[in-house]
């Protein structure tokens, strides 16, 4: 498994990798850095849709592993197609991200005379999901080393453990825009509120899996395991949010707990 992935990466050198700070892309970044050295660089699209802890993790690992990290603003909040939050919102986000990486790759290629591949941390299991971002990736010629090495989520986690990475067991945490119900506008204010709320609940409870969903002016807090929150926490969170300038009409706790993808509403 690891040997096949290593062969794929060596064939793609030099390369730029889009790194979110989650397990998949960050594990690939570590392996690529160890295998390719200066023929590898990571690019991170920082913005309000990225959980703060993910960005912090990425910067720490980049420092520990010594790989090049470029932080960019892909500018998705300047795109009304993204802001309006349609079912294919991810397409518009990834289109901007991969366009930015492609420009960077072309700049490096002109300076060095070498073709630079743009790669992602997409794994085999992702192909079974509804992921409009993969369409954008295909349009920009992005390569997916995990897919080419036939690796799914379990294999990626196993590789992270094999590499001795301390983040191998952290829960998945998609971008914060995934907490906003389809059709509710995605704004920087909402994304910052979600990030603040999830950090607040995690610190108050010690839970690792927390989702603060937003539909219009309402926030619903989901956790795993379900029913783990004290009834008073909703009022405490609402007050804390107001203190940060985020005044939701209602903040409530979901007794049924975390349901993956709940905010995604696929419409005709």
Foldseek 3Di string as FASTA:
>chain_A
DLVQLLVVLVVQWQEEEEALQALQRLLVQLVSCVNPPPRYAYEYADALQRQPVSVVNSVVVCVVSVHHYHYHHLPLQVPVCLQQQALQNQCSVLLSVLVVRLVVQVVVCVVPVDRYAYEYRDAPVCVVDPHSSVVSCVVSVYYYSRNSSRHDDVNSLVSCVVVVHPNSPADDDGTLVLLEAGRAGDDSLVSNLQSVLVVVVCVVQVARDWGWHDYHQETEIAGPPAPRDDQCVQVVSQVVSVVVVRHGPGYGYDRNGDDPSPRNDHDD
